[in-house]
């Protein structure tokens, strides 16, 4: 598109929200299997899937909105097979990654850059983020996002405001899979006003194939955890092609 993007790619200011769900590991693995990665979670037989919403305000890729569907996975080079105890130890220590499975955005440039630099599964669609203004009677109001693709409702997600649990910034390596190639991207982040709560989200699914895929995981259901960051900053390195360890 006639522009040069330097590495690392910088996010100087963004707002971020995330909702995590426990889902059947078998159902999640069917989606992730083409990558060669293995899903994981805090309980045997369960995987962790996350819906993340980001409002990017100041970045090297311009302002844009984004919705991500990701799965927590074991590192691509983790030893296989692994016992339930080994998986639990990996998860508890943070020795995990995030496989980015769906990543719709609402602007063309970030779509092109995300696909070409990192192999991220981006496409351009409509993403509306509604953040209530502060004021009397608005303290408990949450943030809502509505995702519509080519006129078809994909999902609507409402997330409660705030939370009593203070969270550190986390930057697990992300994986992408495109044209049969698995890539790993390292990134670092920091955040202000990061809080979380158990539950705290309402998900409504539409008639889109992406919605059907989420239904195959048992969604919508009660959220395990909902988090938000008032201000997020991040720096994304280049992607590296990797090969999963075979069991």
C-alpha atoms as a PDB file:
ATOM      1  CA  UNK A   1       0.000   0.000   0.000  1.00  0.00           C
ATOM      2  CA  UNK A   2       3.022   2.274  -0.493  1.00  0.00           C
ATOM      3  CA  UNK A   3       4.057   2.542   3.180  1.00  0.00           C
ATOM      4  CA  UNK A   4       7.043   1.207   5.115  1.00  0.00           C
ATOM      5  CA  UNK A   5       6.485  -0.230   8.594  1.00  0.00           C
ATOM      6  CA  UNK A   6       9.431  -0.443  10.997  1.00  0.00           C
ATOM      7  CA  UNK A   7      10.027  -3.317  13.409  1.00  0.00           C
ATOM      8  CA  UNK A   8       9.167  -3.440  16.243  1.00  0.00           C
ATOM      9  CA  UNK A   9       5.668  -2.131  15.585  1.00  0.00           C
ATOM     10  CA  UNK A  10       4.620   0.182  18.402  1.00  0.00           C
ATOM     11  CA  UNK A  11       1.258   0.620  20.094  1.00  0.00           C
ATOM     12  CA  UNK A  12       1.497   3.828  22.092  1.00  0.00           C
ATOM     13  CA  UNK A  13      -2.073   3.936  23.404  1.00  0.00           C
ATOM     14  CA  UNK A  14      -4.994   1.502  23.306  1.00  0.00           C
ATOM     15  CA  UNK A  15      -7.940   0.317  25.374  1.00  0.00           C
ATOM     16  CA  UNK A  16      -8.344  -3.433  25.811  1.00  0.00           C
ATOM     17  CA  UNK A  17     -10.960  -5.874  27.115  1.00  0.00           C
ATOM     18  CA  UNK A  18     -10.872  -9.658  27.360  1.00  0.00           C
ATOM     19  CA  UNK A  19     -13.256 -12.486  28.261  1.00  0.00           C
ATOM     20  CA  UNK A  20     -12.058 -16.030  28.974  1.00  0.00           C
ATOM     21  CA  UNK A  21     -14.115 -19.216  28.798  1.00  0.00           C
ATOM     22  CA  UNK A  22     -13.456 -22.798  29.825  1.00  0.00           C
ATOM     23  CA  UNK A  23     -14.478 -25.084  26.959  1.00  0.00           C
ATOM     24  CA  UNK A  24     -14.137 -28.816  26.190  1.00  0.00           C
ATOM     25  CA  UNK A  25     -10.550 -29.538  25.185  1.00  0.00           C
ATOM     26  CA  UNK A  26     -11.604 -31.978  22.450  1.00  0.00           C
ATOM     27  CA  UNK A  27     -13.781 -29.363  20.739  1.00  0.00           C
ATOM     28  CA  UNK A  28     -11.049 -26.738  20.958  1.00  0.00           C
ATOM     29  CA  UNK A  29      -8.380 -29.135  19.702  1.00  0.00           C
ATOM     30  CA  UNK A  30     -10.418 -29.904  16.566  1.00  0.00           C
ATOM     31  CA  UNK A  31     -10.156 -26.224  15.649  1.00  0.00           C
ATOM     32  CA  UNK A  32      -6.470 -25.851  16.568  1.00  0.00           C
ATOM     33  CA  UNK A  33      -5.181 -29.204  15.213  1.00  0.00           C
ATOM     34  CA  UNK A  34      -4.275 -27.972  11.675  1.00  0.00           C
ATOM     35  CA  UNK A  35      -1.575 -25.788  13.265  1.00  0.00           C
ATOM     36  CA  UNK A  36       0.150 -28.698  15.016  1.00  0.00           C
ATOM     37  CA  UNK A  37      -0.297 -26.945  18.380  1.00  0.00           C
ATOM     38  CA  UNK A  38      -1.976 -28.375  21.482  1.00  0.00           C
ATOM     39  CA  UNK A  39      -4.624 -26.539  23.502  1.00  0.00           C
ATOM     40  CA  UNK A  40      -4.258 -26.344  27.264  1.00  0.00           C
ATOM     41  CA  UNK A  41      -6.045 -25.018  30.305  1.00  0.00           C
ATOM     42  CA  UNK A  42      -6.201 -24.982  34.095  1.00  0.00           C
ATOM     43  CA  UNK A  43      -8.188 -28.235  34.364  1.00  0.00           C
ATOM     44  CA  UNK A  44      -7.844 -31.675  32.744  1.00  0.00           C
ATOM     45  CA  UNK A  45     -10.141 -31.988  29.735  1.00  0.00           C
ATOM     46  CA  UNK A  46     -10.663 -28.224  29.525  1.00  0.00           C
ATOM     47  CA  UNK A  47      -9.165 -25.592  27.232  1.00  0.00           C
ATOM     48  CA  UNK A  48      -9.134 -21.839  27.604  1.00  0.00           C
ATOM     49  CA  UNK A  49     -10.519 -19.686  24.792  1.00  0.00           C
ATOM     50  CA  UNK A  50     -10.519 -15.892  24.902  1.00  0.00           C
ATOM     51  CA  UNK A  51     -12.474 -13.177  23.144  1.00  0.00           C
ATOM     52  CA  UNK A  52     -10.485  -9.946  23.150  1.00  0.00           C
ATOM     53  CA  UNK A  53     -11.536  -6.479  22.041  1.00  0.00           C
ATOM     54  CA  UNK A  54      -9.064  -3.686  21.405  1.00  0.00           C
ATOM     55  CA  UNK A  55      -9.537  -0.021  20.546  1.00  0.00           C
ATOM     56  CA  UNK A  56      -6.198   1.084  19.117  1.00  0.00           C
ATOM     57  CA  UNK A  57      -5.852   4.873  19.411  1.00  0.00           C
ATOM     58  CA  UNK A  58      -2.204   5.599  18.559  1.00  0.00           C
ATOM     59  CA  UNK A  59      -0.150   2.972  16.710  1.00  0.00           C
ATOM     60  CA  UNK A  60       2.265   2.550  13.801  1.00  0.00           C
ATOM     61  CA  UNK A  61      -0.663   0.939  11.943  1.00  0.00           C
ATOM     62  CA  UNK A  62      -3.065   3.885  12.528  1.00  0.00           C
ATOM     63  CA  UNK A  63      -6.174   3.843  14.769  1.00  0.00           C
ATOM     64  CA  UNK A  64      -8.506   0.849  14.431  1.00  0.00           C
ATOM     65  CA  UNK A  65     -10.784  -1.595  16.242  1.00  0.00           C
ATOM     66  CA  UNK A  66     -10.093  -5.315  16.583  1.00  0.00           C
ATOM     67  CA  UNK A  67     -11.755  -8.479  17.880  1.00  0.00           C
ATOM     68  CA  UNK A  68      -9.677 -11.598  18.514  1.00  0.00           C
ATOM     69  CA  UNK A  69     -10.568 -15.233  19.108  1.00  0.00           C
ATOM     70  CA  UNK A  70      -7.584 -17.016  20.618  1.00  0.00           C
ATOM     71  CA  UNK A  71      -6.772 -20.306  22.332  1.00  0.00           C
ATOM     72  CA  UNK A  72      -4.235 -20.870  25.088  1.00  0.00           C
ATOM     73  CA  UNK A  73      -1.764 -23.437  23.743  1.00  0.00           C
ATOM     74  CA  UNK A  74       1.339 -25.267  24.833  1.00  0.00           C
ATOM     75  CA  UNK A  75       4.587 -23.912  23.342  1.00  0.00           C
ATOM     76  CA  UNK A  76       5.306 -25.324  19.888  1.00  0.00           C
ATOM     77  CA  UNK A  77       8.479 -27.002  21.174  1.00  0.00           C
ATOM     78  CA  UNK A  78       6.987 -28.404  24.406  1.00  0.00           C
ATOM     79  CA  UNK A  79       7.759 -32.106  24.934  1.00  0.00           C
ATOM     80  CA  UNK A  80       5.056 -34.545  23.857  1.00  0.00           C
ATOM     81  CA  UNK A  81       3.245 -36.450  25.112  1.00  0.00           C
ATOM     82  CA  UNK A  82       2.718 -34.618  28.404  1.00  0.00           C
ATOM     83  CA  UNK A  83       0.991 -35.809  31.546  1.00  0.00           C
ATOM     84  CA  UNK A  84      -1.875 -33.801  33.086  1.00  0.00           C
ATOM     85  CA  UNK A  85       0.547 -32.758  35.832  1.00  0.00           C
ATOM     86  CA  UNK A  86       3.066 -31.450  33.288  1.00  0.00           C
ATOM     87  CA  UNK A  87       0.348 -29.477  31.513  1.00  0.00           C
ATOM     88  CA  UNK A  88      -0.887 -28.001  34.783  1.00  0.00           C
ATOM     89  CA  UNK A  89       2.655 -27.007  35.764  1.00  0.00           C
ATOM     90  CA  UNK A  90       3.203 -25.312  32.394  1.00  0.00           C
ATOM     91  CA  UNK A  91      -0.062 -23.432  32.704  1.00  0.00           C
ATOM     92  CA  UNK A  92       0.544 -22.332  36.292  1.00  0.00           C
ATOM     93  CA  UNK A  93       4.043 -21.068  35.474  1.00  0.00           C
ATOM     94  CA  UNK A  94       2.872 -19.099  32.425  1.00  0.00           C
ATOM     95  CA  UNK A  95       4.816 -21.305  30.002  1.00  0.00           C
ATOM     96  CA  UNK A  96       2.054 -21.052  27.392  1.00  0.00           C
ATOM     97  CA  UNK A  97       1.252 -19.184  24.197  1.00  0.00           C
ATOM     98  CA  UNK A  98      -1.815 -17.770  22.466  1.00  0.00           C
ATOM     99  CA  UNK A  99      -2.907 -19.094  19.088  1.00  0.00           C
ATOM    100  CA  UNK A 100      -4.704 -16.243  17.268  1.00  0.00           C
ATOM    101  CA  UNK A 101      -7.457 -18.012  15.360  1.00  0.00           C
ATOM    102  CA  UNK A 102      -9.698 -15.146  14.200  1.00  0.00           C
ATOM    103  CA  UNK A 103      -8.729 -11.464  14.044  1.00  0.00           C
ATOM    104  CA  UNK A 104     -11.232  -9.184  12.291  1.00  0.00           C
ATOM    105  CA  UNK A 105     -10.359  -5.468  12.139  1.00  0.00           C
ATOM    106  CA  UNK A 106     -12.151  -2.422  10.787  1.00  0.00           C
ATOM    107  CA  UNK A 107      -9.390  -0.744   8.723  1.00  0.00           C
ATOM    108  CA  UNK A 108      -7.595  -1.760   5.513  1.00  0.00           C
ATOM    109  CA  UNK A 109      -4.014  -0.810   6.398  1.00  0.00           C
ATOM    110  CA  UNK A 110      -3.777  -2.774   9.633  1.00  0.00           C
ATOM    111  CA  UNK A 111      -5.353  -5.715   7.818  1.00  0.00           C
ATOM    112  CA  UNK A 112      -2.674  -5.705   5.114  1.00  0.00           C
ATOM    113  CA  UNK A 113       0.164  -5.140   7.598  1.00  0.00           C
ATOM    114  CA  UNK A 114      -1.064  -7.807  10.008  1.00  0.00           C
ATOM    115  CA  UNK A 115      -1.337 -10.429   7.292  1.00  0.00           C
ATOM    116  CA  UNK A 116       1.981  -9.595   5.603  1.00  0.00           C
ATOM    117  CA  UNK A 117       4.185  -9.035   8.682  1.00  0.00           C
ATOM    118  CA  UNK A 118       2.875 -11.671  11.104  1.00  0.00           C
ATOM    119  CA  UNK A 119       0.550 -13.935   9.129  1.00  0.00           C
ATOM    120  CA  UNK A 120      -2.343 -12.903  11.371  1.00  0.00           C
ATOM    121  CA  UNK A 121      -5.826 -13.976  10.178  1.00  0.00           C
ATOM    122  CA  UNK A 122      -7.129 -10.436   9.678  1.00  0.00           C
ATOM    123  CA  UNK A 123      -9.987  -9.318   7.479  1.00  0.00           C
ATOM    124  CA  UNK A 124     -11.930  -6.062   7.298  1.00  0.00           C
ATOM    125  CA  UNK A 125     -15.389  -5.889   8.808  1.00  0.00           C
ATOM    126  CA  UNK A 126     -17.578  -3.662  10.995  1.00  0.00           C
ATOM    127  CA  UNK A 127     -16.691  -3.407  14.703  1.00  0.00           C
ATOM    128  CA  UNK A 128     -18.581  -0.977  16.942  1.00  0.00           C
ATOM    129  CA  UNK A 129     -17.309  -0.399  20.488  1.00  0.00           C
ATOM    130  CA  UNK A 130     -19.637   1.427  22.878  1.00  0.00           C
ATOM    131  CA  UNK A 131     -17.994   2.812  25.997  1.00  0.00           C
ATOM    132  CA  UNK A 132     -20.416   4.719  28.258  1.00  0.00           C
ATOM    133  CA  UNK A 133     -19.257   8.131  29.333  1.00  0.00           C
ATOM    134  CA  UNK A 134     -18.502   8.611  33.013  1.00  0.00           C
ATOM    135  CA  UNK A 135     -21.138  10.417  35.009  1.00  0.00           C
ATOM    136  CA  UNK A 136     -23.836  10.124  37.676  1.00  0.00           C
ATOM    137  CA  UNK A 137     -25.474   6.715  37.608  1.00  0.00           C
ATOM    138  CA  UNK A 138     -22.907   5.311  35.133  1.00  0.00           C
ATOM    139  CA  UNK A 139     -20.408   3.765  37.558  1.00  0.00           C
ATOM    140  CA  UNK A 140     -21.497   0.204  36.805  1.00  0.00           C
ATOM    141  CA  UNK A 141     -22.036   0.625  33.074  1.00  0.00           C
ATOM    142  CA  UNK A 142     -20.006  -1.750  30.926  1.00  0.00           C
ATOM    143  CA  UNK A 143     -18.481  -1.736  27.456  1.00  0.00           C
ATOM    144  CA  UNK A 144     -20.251  -3.377  24.520  1.00  0.00           C
ATOM    145  CA  UNK A 145     -18.913  -4.491  21.148  1.00  0.00           C
ATOM    146  CA  UNK A 146     -20.897  -5.532  18.088  1.00  0.00           C
ATOM    147  CA  UNK A 147     -19.213  -7.402  15.222  1.00  0.00           C
ATOM    148  CA  UNK A 148     -20.963  -7.512  11.840  1.00  0.00           C
ATOM    149  CA  UNK A 149     -19.406  -9.100   8.751  1.00  0.00           C
ATOM    150  CA  UNK A 150     -20.820  -8.248   5.309  1.00  0.00           C
ATOM    151  CA  UNK A 151     -24.152  -7.368   6.886  1.00  0.00           C
ATOM    152  CA  UNK A 152     -24.359 -10.568   8.968  1.00  0.00           C
ATOM    153  CA  UNK A 153     -24.347 -10.341  12.759  1.00  0.00           C
ATOM    154  CA  UNK A 154     -21.383 -12.306  14.162  1.00  0.00           C
ATOM    155  CA  UNK A 155     -21.502 -11.489  17.861  1.00  0.00           C
ATOM    156  CA  UNK A 156     -22.357  -8.924  20.488  1.00  0.00           C
ATOM    157  CA  UNK A 157     -20.367  -8.887  23.711  1.00  0.00           C
ATOM    158  CA  UNK A 158     -21.069  -6.800  26.803  1.00  0.00           C
ATOM    159  CA  UNK A 159     -18.411  -6.613  29.521  1.00  0.00           C
ATOM    160  CA  UNK A 160     -18.957  -5.273  33.023  1.00  0.00           C
ATOM    161  CA  UNK A 161     -16.968  -2.228  34.057  1.00  0.00           C
ATOM    162  CA  UNK A 162     -14.006  -2.472  36.395  1.00  0.00           C
ATOM    163  CA  UNK A 163     -13.295  -5.269  38.821  1.00  0.00           C
ATOM    164  CA  UNK A 164     -11.583  -5.753  42.164  1.00  0.00           C
ATOM    165  CA  UNK A 165      -8.723  -7.962  40.991  1.00  0.00           C
ATOM    166  CA  UNK A 166      -5.599  -6.052  39.946  1.00  0.00           C
ATOM    167  CA  UNK A 167      -3.749  -7.756  37.103  1.00  0.00           C
ATOM    168  CA  UNK A 168      -0.167  -7.460  35.814  1.00  0.00           C
ATOM    169  CA  UNK A 169       0.417  -6.894  32.112  1.00  0.00           C
ATOM    170  CA  UNK A 170       0.921 -10.198  30.298  1.00  0.00           C
ATOM    171  CA  UNK A 171       2.540 -10.838  26.907  1.00  0.00           C
ATOM    172  CA  UNK A 172       2.514 -14.544  26.044  1.00  0.00           C
ATOM    173  CA  UNK A 173       4.041 -15.298  22.623  1.00  0.00           C
ATOM    174  CA  UNK A 174       1.385 -15.402  19.920  1.00  0.00           C
ATOM    175  CA  UNK A 175       1.053 -17.961  17.163  1.00  0.00           C
ATOM    176  CA  UNK A 176      -0.471 -17.498  13.731  1.00  0.00           C
ATOM    177  CA  UNK A 177      -1.128 -20.068  11.013  1.00  0.00           C
ATOM    178  CA  UNK A 178      -1.466 -19.149   7.339  1.00  0.00           C
ATOM    179  CA  UNK A 179      -0.905 -21.128   4.109  1.00  0.00           C
ATOM    180  CA  UNK A 180       0.286 -24.135   6.106  1.00  0.00           C
ATOM    181  CA  UNK A 181       2.975 -22.113   7.925  1.00  0.00           C
ATOM    182  CA  UNK A 182       3.110 -21.665  11.718  1.00  0.00           C
ATOM    183  CA  UNK A 183       4.640 -18.427  12.972  1.00  0.00           C
ATOM    184  CA  UNK A 184       5.528 -17.225  16.460  1.00  0.00           C
ATOM    185  CA  UNK A 185       5.636 -13.563  17.450  1.00  0.00           C
ATOM    186  CA  UNK A 186       7.181 -12.143  20.611  1.00  0.00           C
ATOM    187  CA  UNK A 187       5.737  -8.939  22.031  1.00  0.00           C
ATOM    188  CA  UNK A 188       5.885  -6.947  25.237  1.00  0.00           C
ATOM    189  CA  UNK A 189       3.165  -4.864  26.830  1.00  0.00           C
ATOM    190  CA  UNK A 190       2.427  -2.611  29.772  1.00  0.00           C
ATOM    191  CA  UNK A 191      -0.893  -1.324  31.008  1.00  0.00           C
ATOM    192  CA  UNK A 192      -2.518   1.107  33.431  1.00  0.00           C
ATOM    193  CA  UNK A 193      -5.810   0.482  35.191  1.00  0.00           C
ATOM    194  CA  UNK A 194      -5.841  -3.268  34.529  1.00  0.00           C
ATOM    195  CA  UNK A 195      -8.546  -5.040  36.522  1.00  0.00           C
ATOM    196  CA  UNK A 196     -10.532  -8.246  36.345  1.00  0.00           C
ATOM    197  CA  UNK A 197     -13.442 -10.163  37.811  1.00  0.00           C
ATOM    198  CA  UNK A 198     -14.919 -13.624  37.679  1.00  0.00           C
ATOM    199  CA  UNK A 199     -17.849 -13.788  35.260  1.00  0.00           C
ATOM    200  CA  UNK A 200     -18.783 -10.297  34.123  1.00  0.00           C
ATOM    201  CA  UNK A 201     -19.699 -10.752  30.445  1.00  0.00           C
ATOM    202  CA  UNK A 202     -22.725 -11.483  28.255  1.00  0.00           C
ATOM    203  CA  UNK A 203     -22.236 -12.961  24.775  1.00  0.00           C
ATOM    204  CA  UNK A 204     -24.866 -13.113  22.017  1.00  0.00           C
ATOM    205  CA  UNK A 205     -24.012 -15.027  18.828  1.00  0.00           C
ATOM    206  CA  UNK A 206     -25.417 -14.358  15.364  1.00  0.00           C
ATOM    207  CA  UNK A 207     -25.779 -16.458  12.204  1.00  0.00           C
ATOM    208  CA  UNK A 208     -22.253 -16.072  10.817  1.00  0.00           C
ATOM    209  CA  UNK A 209     -19.885 -19.083  10.345  1.00  0.00           C
ATOM    210  CA  UNK A 210     -17.604 -17.593  13.021  1.00  0.00           C
ATOM    211  CA  UNK A 211     -20.563 -17.658  15.421  1.00  0.00           C
ATOM    212  CA  UNK A 212     -21.258 -21.296  14.513  1.00  0.00           C
ATOM    213  CA  UNK A 213     -17.630 -22.121  15.306  1.00  0.00           C
ATOM    214  CA  UNK A 214     -17.967 -20.516  18.730  1.00  0.00           C
ATOM    215  CA  UNK A 215     -21.174 -22.497  19.310  1.00  0.00           C
ATOM    216  CA  UNK A 216     -19.230 -25.692  18.608  1.00  0.00           C
ATOM    217  CA  UNK A 217     -17.228 -24.834  21.750  1.00  0.00           C
ATOM    218  CA  UNK A 218     -20.375 -24.599  23.859  1.00  0.00           C
ATOM    219  CA  UNK A 219     -20.695 -20.814  23.745  1.00  0.00           C
ATOM    220  CA  UNK A 220     -22.425 -18.719  24.833  1.00  0.00           C
ATOM    221  CA  UNK A 221     -21.983 -19.706  28.462  1.00  0.00           C
ATOM    222  CA  UNK A 222     -20.956 -18.092  31.719  1.00  0.00           C
ATOM    223  CA  UNK A 223     -17.593 -16.374  31.382  1.00  0.00           C
ATOM    224  CA  UNK A 224     -14.762 -17.627  33.551  1.00  0.00           C
ATOM    225  CA  UNK A 225     -13.073 -14.226  33.808  1.00  0.00           C
ATOM    226  CA  UNK A 226     -13.388 -10.719  32.361  1.00  0.00           C
ATOM    227  CA  UNK A 227     -10.595  -8.156  32.324  1.00  0.00           C
ATOM    228  CA  UNK A 228      -9.943  -4.654  31.034  1.00  0.00           C
ATOM    229  CA  UNK A 229      -7.031  -2.259  30.650  1.00  0.00           C
ATOM    230  CA  UNK A 230      -7.760   1.463  30.584  1.00  0.00           C
ATOM    231  CA  UNK A 231      -4.479   2.183  28.771  1.00  0.00           C
ATOM    232  CA  UNK A 232      -2.375  -0.484  27.058  1.00  0.00           C
ATOM    233  CA  UNK A 233       1.001  -0.052  25.339  1.00  0.00           C
ATOM    234  CA  UNK A 234       2.782  -2.738  23.333  1.00  0.00           C
ATOM    235  CA  UNK A 235       5.701  -3.467  21.040  1.00  0.00           C
ATOM    236  CA  UNK A 236       5.499  -6.285  18.462  1.00  0.00           C
ATOM    237  CA  UNK A 237       8.591  -7.983  17.052  1.00  0.00           C
ATOM    238  CA  UNK A 238       8.762  -9.722  13.667  1.00  0.00           C
ATOM    239  CA  UNK A 239       7.272 -13.199  13.188  1.00  0.00           C
ATOM    240  CA  UNK A 240       9.487 -16.290  13.140  1.00  0.00           C
ATOM    241  CA  UNK A 241       8.544 -19.481  11.296  1.00  0.00           C
ATOM    242  CA  UNK A 242       8.511 -22.465  13.688  1.00  0.00           C
ATOM    243  CA  UNK A 243       7.778 -26.194  13.523  1.00  0.00           C
ATOM    244  CA  UNK A 244       5.747 -27.912  16.252  1.00  0.00           C
ATOM    245  CA  UNK A 245       7.206 -30.822  18.173  1.00  0.00           C
ATOM    246  CA  UNK A 246       5.495 -34.027  17.050  1.00  0.00           C
ATOM    247  CA  UNK A 247       4.087 -36.421  19.639  1.00  0.00           C
END
